[in-house]
Amino acid sequence: MTLGIEIQVGDIEPIHEDPNASQATLLSAVAPGDALTLDLDVDASTLTLPVYSVAHDGNPVGRTSHSFGDALASRIGNLESRRNTWP
């Protein structure tokens, strides 16, 4: 059973056309070990790949990467095999 997930450097992609805004927020407001909130992005997710919007203290800082979605789906199964919803 998976009880937690660690977000690493390559797991978050910028959400702004100019990624400097996301990077500035990450550098100035987010410290190692800070809690992030992940909300399922139902428009961007598919049956085989979950995509989450990522926020810190309610402020959007990015979205999960394709490699993060692949790793999560390989750990818990995709929707085709689970017949359920993404967590």
N, C-alpha and C. Protein backbone atom coordinates (compact mmCIF):
# COMPACT_ATOMS: atom_id res chain seq x y z
N MET A 1 0.84 -1.18 0.00
CA MET A 1 0.00 0.00 0.00
C MET A 1 0.89 1.25 0.00
N THR A 2 0.57 2.21 -0.83
CA THR A 2 1.32 3.46 -0.90
C THR A 2 0.66 4.50 0.00
N LEU A 3 1.42 5.03 0.95
CA LEU A 3 0.88 5.99 1.91
C LEU A 3 1.33 7.42 1.65
N GLY A 4 2.36 7.59 0.87
CA GLY A 4 2.86 8.93 0.59
C GLY A 4 3.69 8.94 -0.67
N ILE A 5 3.90 10.13 -1.20
CA ILE A 5 4.66 10.29 -2.43
C ILE A 5 5.62 11.46 -2.23
N GLU A 6 6.86 11.28 -2.65
CA GLU A 6 7.84 12.36 -2.59
C GLU A 6 7.92 13.02 -3.96
N ILE A 7 7.80 14.33 -3.97
CA ILE A 7 7.93 15.10 -5.21
C ILE A 7 9.40 15.49 -5.36
N GLN A 8 9.99 15.16 -6.50
CA GLN A 8 11.38 15.49 -6.74
C GLN A 8 11.50 16.54 -7.84
N VAL A 9 12.71 16.96 -8.11
CA VAL A 9 12.96 18.07 -9.04
C VAL A 9 12.27 17.90 -10.39
N GLY A 10 12.38 16.76 -11.03
CA GLY A 10 11.81 16.58 -12.36
C GLY A 10 10.33 16.26 -12.38
N ASP A 11 9.68 16.27 -11.23
CA ASP A 11 8.28 15.87 -11.15
C ASP A 11 7.29 17.01 -11.38
N ILE A 12 7.77 18.25 -11.37
CA ILE A 12 6.89 19.40 -11.55
C ILE A 12 7.33 20.20 -12.76
N GLU A 13 6.34 20.56 -13.59
CA GLU A 13 6.59 21.40 -14.75
C GLU A 13 5.94 22.76 -14.53
N PRO A 14 6.48 23.82 -15.14
CA PRO A 14 5.89 25.15 -14.99
C PRO A 14 4.50 25.23 -15.59
N ILE A 15 3.69 26.13 -15.05
CA ILE A 15 2.33 26.31 -15.58
C ILE A 15 2.20 27.60 -16.37
N HIS A 16 3.17 28.46 -16.29
CA HIS A 16 3.13 29.74 -17.00
C HIS A 16 3.90 29.63 -18.31
N GLU A 17 3.49 30.44 -19.28
CA GLU A 17 4.24 30.46 -20.53
C GLU A 17 5.68 30.90 -20.28
N ASP A 18 5.85 31.80 -19.31
CA ASP A 18 7.18 32.21 -18.89
C ASP A 18 7.49 31.46 -17.60
N PRO A 19 8.28 30.39 -17.67
CA PRO A 19 8.54 29.58 -16.48
C PRO A 19 9.27 30.32 -15.37
N ASN A 20 9.79 31.53 -15.66
CA ASN A 20 10.48 32.29 -14.62
C ASN A 20 9.55 32.64 -13.47
N ALA A 21 8.26 32.84 -13.74
CA ALA A 21 7.30 33.15 -12.67
C ALA A 21 7.16 31.98 -11.71
N SER A 22 7.05 30.77 -12.25
CA SER A 22 6.97 29.58 -11.41
C SER A 22 8.26 29.39 -10.63
N GLN A 23 9.40 29.57 -11.29
CA GLN A 23 10.69 29.40 -10.63
C GLN A 23 10.88 30.41 -9.51
N ALA A 24 10.44 31.65 -9.74
CA ALA A 24 10.57 32.68 -8.71
C ALA A 24 9.77 32.32 -7.47
N THR A 25 8.56 31.81 -7.67
CA THR A 25 7.73 31.38 -6.54
C THR A 25 8.38 30.22 -5.81
N LEU A 26 8.87 29.25 -6.56
CA LEU A 26 9.51 28.09 -5.93
C LEU A 26 10.74 28.50 -5.13
N LEU A 27 11.55 29.40 -5.67
CA LEU A 27 12.77 29.81 -4.99
C LEU A 27 12.50 30.67 -3.76
N SER A 28 11.50 31.53 -3.84
CA SER A 28 11.28 32.47 -2.75
C SER A 28 10.33 31.97 -1.67
N ALA A 29 9.43 31.07 -2.00
CA ALA A 29 8.39 30.72 -1.04
C ALA A 29 8.38 29.25 -0.61
N VAL A 30 9.01 28.38 -1.37
CA VAL A 30 8.93 26.95 -1.07
C VAL A 30 10.27 26.47 -0.54
N ALA A 31 10.23 25.88 0.64
CA ALA A 31 11.44 25.32 1.26
C ALA A 31 11.42 23.80 1.15
N PRO A 32 12.58 23.16 1.14
CA PRO A 32 12.59 21.69 1.14
C PRO A 32 11.76 21.14 2.29
N GLY A 33 10.92 20.18 1.98
CA GLY A 33 10.06 19.57 2.99
C GLY A 33 8.71 20.24 3.16
N ASP A 34 8.49 21.40 2.53
CA ASP A 34 7.19 22.05 2.60
C ASP A 34 6.12 21.17 1.96
N ALA A 35 4.93 21.25 2.50
CA ALA A 35 3.81 20.50 1.95
C ALA A 35 3.32 21.16 0.66
N LEU A 36 3.02 20.34 -0.32
CA LEU A 36 2.41 20.80 -1.56
C LEU A 36 1.05 20.14 -1.68
N THR A 37 0.11 20.82 -2.31
CA THR A 37 -1.21 20.26 -2.55
C THR A 37 -1.31 19.86 -4.00
N LEU A 38 -1.73 18.62 -4.24
CA LEU A 38 -1.93 18.14 -5.60
C LEU A 38 -3.42 17.92 -5.82
N ASP A 39 -3.96 18.57 -6.84
CA ASP A 39 -5.36 18.39 -7.22
C ASP A 39 -5.40 17.81 -8.63
N LEU A 40 -6.17 16.77 -8.79
CA LEU A 40 -6.28 16.11 -10.09
C LEU A 40 -6.78 17.09 -11.14
N ASP A 41 -6.08 17.16 -12.25
CA ASP A 41 -6.50 17.96 -13.39
C ASP A 41 -7.25 17.02 -14.33
N VAL A 42 -8.57 17.01 -14.22
CA VAL A 42 -9.37 16.05 -14.97
C VAL A 42 -9.32 16.31 -16.47
N ASP A 43 -9.06 17.54 -16.87
CA ASP A 43 -8.98 17.85 -18.30
C ASP A 43 -7.69 17.34 -18.92
N ALA A 44 -6.61 17.37 -18.17
CA ALA A 44 -5.31 16.95 -18.70
C ALA A 44 -5.02 15.47 -18.48
N SER A 45 -5.70 14.84 -17.53
CA SER A 45 -5.47 13.43 -17.21
C SER A 45 -6.13 12.52 -18.24
N THR A 46 -5.56 11.32 -18.38
CA THR A 46 -6.14 10.30 -19.25
C THR A 46 -6.34 9.02 -18.44
N LEU A 47 -6.83 7.98 -19.08
CA LEU A 47 -7.00 6.70 -18.39
C LEU A 47 -5.67 6.09 -17.96
N THR A 48 -4.61 6.44 -18.67
CA THR A 48 -3.31 5.84 -18.36
C THR A 48 -2.33 6.79 -17.71
N LEU A 49 -2.64 8.09 -17.65
CA LEU A 49 -1.69 9.07 -17.12
C LEU A 49 -2.41 10.14 -16.30
N PRO A 50 -2.17 10.17 -14.98
CA PRO A 50 -2.75 11.23 -14.17
C PRO A 50 -1.89 12.50 -14.25
N VAL A 51 -2.55 13.65 -14.24
CA VAL A 51 -1.87 14.94 -14.20
C VAL A 51 -2.51 15.73 -13.06
N TYR A 52 -1.67 16.32 -12.21
CA TYR A 52 -2.15 17.08 -11.05
C TYR A 52 -1.63 18.50 -11.13
N SER A 53 -2.48 19.46 -10.71
CA SER A 53 -1.99 20.81 -10.50
C SER A 53 -1.34 20.82 -9.12
N VAL A 54 -0.25 21.57 -8.99
CA VAL A 54 0.55 21.59 -7.76
C VAL A 54 0.49 22.99 -7.18
N ALA A 55 0.15 23.08 -5.88
CA ALA A 55 0.07 24.38 -5.22
C ALA A 55 0.83 24.35 -3.90
N HIS A 56 1.33 25.51 -3.51
CA HIS A 56 2.00 25.70 -2.22
C HIS A 56 1.27 26.83 -1.52
N ASP A 57 0.73 26.56 -0.36
CA ASP A 57 -0.06 27.55 0.39
C ASP A 57 -1.16 28.17 -0.47
N GLY A 58 -1.79 27.35 -1.31
CA GLY A 58 -2.89 27.82 -2.15
C GLY A 58 -2.46 28.51 -3.43
N ASN A 59 -1.16 28.70 -3.63
CA ASN A 59 -0.66 29.37 -4.83
C ASN A 59 -0.17 28.33 -5.84
N PRO A 60 -0.71 28.34 -7.05
CA PRO A 60 -0.27 27.38 -8.07
C PRO A 60 1.21 27.57 -8.39
N VAL A 61 1.95 26.47 -8.42
CA VAL A 61 3.38 26.53 -8.74
C VAL A 61 3.75 25.64 -9.92
N GLY A 62 2.84 24.79 -10.36
CA GLY A 62 3.15 23.93 -11.49
C GLY A 62 2.15 22.83 -11.68
N ARG A 63 2.53 21.86 -12.51
CA ARG A 63 1.72 20.66 -12.72
C ARG A 63 2.68 19.48 -12.76
N THR A 64 2.18 18.31 -12.47
CA THR A 64 3.05 17.13 -12.47
C THR A 64 3.47 16.79 -13.89
N SER A 65 4.67 16.25 -13.99
CA SER A 65 5.26 15.91 -15.28
C SER A 65 4.74 14.56 -15.78
N HIS A 66 5.02 14.31 -17.04
CA HIS A 66 4.66 13.03 -17.65
C HIS A 66 5.35 11.88 -16.92
N SER A 67 6.62 12.07 -16.56
CA SER A 67 7.35 11.00 -15.87
C SER A 67 6.78 10.72 -14.49
N PHE A 68 6.29 11.76 -13.79
CA PHE A 68 5.64 11.56 -12.51
C PHE A 68 4.36 10.73 -12.68
N GLY A 69 3.55 11.09 -13.68
CA GLY A 69 2.32 10.35 -13.95
C GLY A 69 2.60 8.90 -14.30
N ASP A 70 3.63 8.67 -15.10
CA ASP A 70 4.02 7.29 -15.44
C ASP A 70 4.41 6.50 -14.20
N ALA A 71 5.22 7.13 -13.33
CA ALA A 71 5.69 6.44 -12.12
C ALA A 71 4.52 6.13 -11.19
N LEU A 72 3.60 7.08 -11.04
CA LEU A 72 2.44 6.85 -10.17
C LEU A 72 1.55 5.75 -10.74
N ALA A 73 1.28 5.80 -12.04
CA ALA A 73 0.44 4.78 -12.66
C ALA A 73 1.08 3.39 -12.57
N SER A 74 2.40 3.33 -12.69
CA SER A 74 3.05 2.02 -12.58
C SER A 74 3.01 1.49 -11.15
N ARG A 75 2.95 2.40 -10.19
CA ARG A 75 2.90 1.99 -8.77
C ARG A 75 1.50 1.55 -8.35
N ILE A 76 0.48 2.29 -8.75
CA ILE A 76 -0.88 1.99 -8.28
C ILE A 76 -1.79 1.41 -9.35
N GLY A 77 -1.33 1.37 -10.60
CA GLY A 77 -2.16 0.87 -11.69
C GLY A 77 -2.86 2.03 -12.39
N ASN A 78 -3.19 1.83 -13.66
CA ASN A 78 -3.90 2.89 -14.38
C ASN A 78 -5.40 2.65 -14.29
N LEU A 79 -6.17 3.59 -14.80
CA LEU A 79 -7.62 3.49 -14.66
C LEU A 79 -8.21 2.34 -15.47
N GLU A 80 -7.54 1.96 -16.54
CA GLU A 80 -8.03 0.83 -17.32
C GLU A 80 -8.00 -0.45 -16.50
N SER A 81 -6.98 -0.61 -15.65
CA SER A 81 -6.86 -1.82 -14.84
C SER A 81 -7.55 -1.67 -13.48
N ARG A 82 -7.61 -0.45 -12.93
CA ARG A 82 -8.17 -0.24 -11.60
C ARG A 82 -9.69 -0.12 -11.61
N ARG A 83 -10.22 0.37 -12.72
CA ARG A 83 -11.66 0.65 -12.83
C ARG A 83 -12.15 1.50 -11.66
N ASN A 84 -11.43 2.56 -11.45
CA ASN A 84 -11.67 3.46 -10.34
C ASN A 84 -11.28 4.86 -10.79
N THR A 85 -11.09 5.78 -9.87
CA THR A 85 -10.62 7.12 -10.21
C THR A 85 -9.20 7.31 -9.72
N TRP A 86 -8.51 8.30 -10.29
CA TRP A 86 -7.19 8.64 -9.78
C TRP A 86 -7.34 9.20 -8.39
N PRO A 87 -6.38 8.92 -7.51
CA PRO A 87 -6.47 9.50 -6.14
C PRO A 87 -6.27 11.00 -6.17
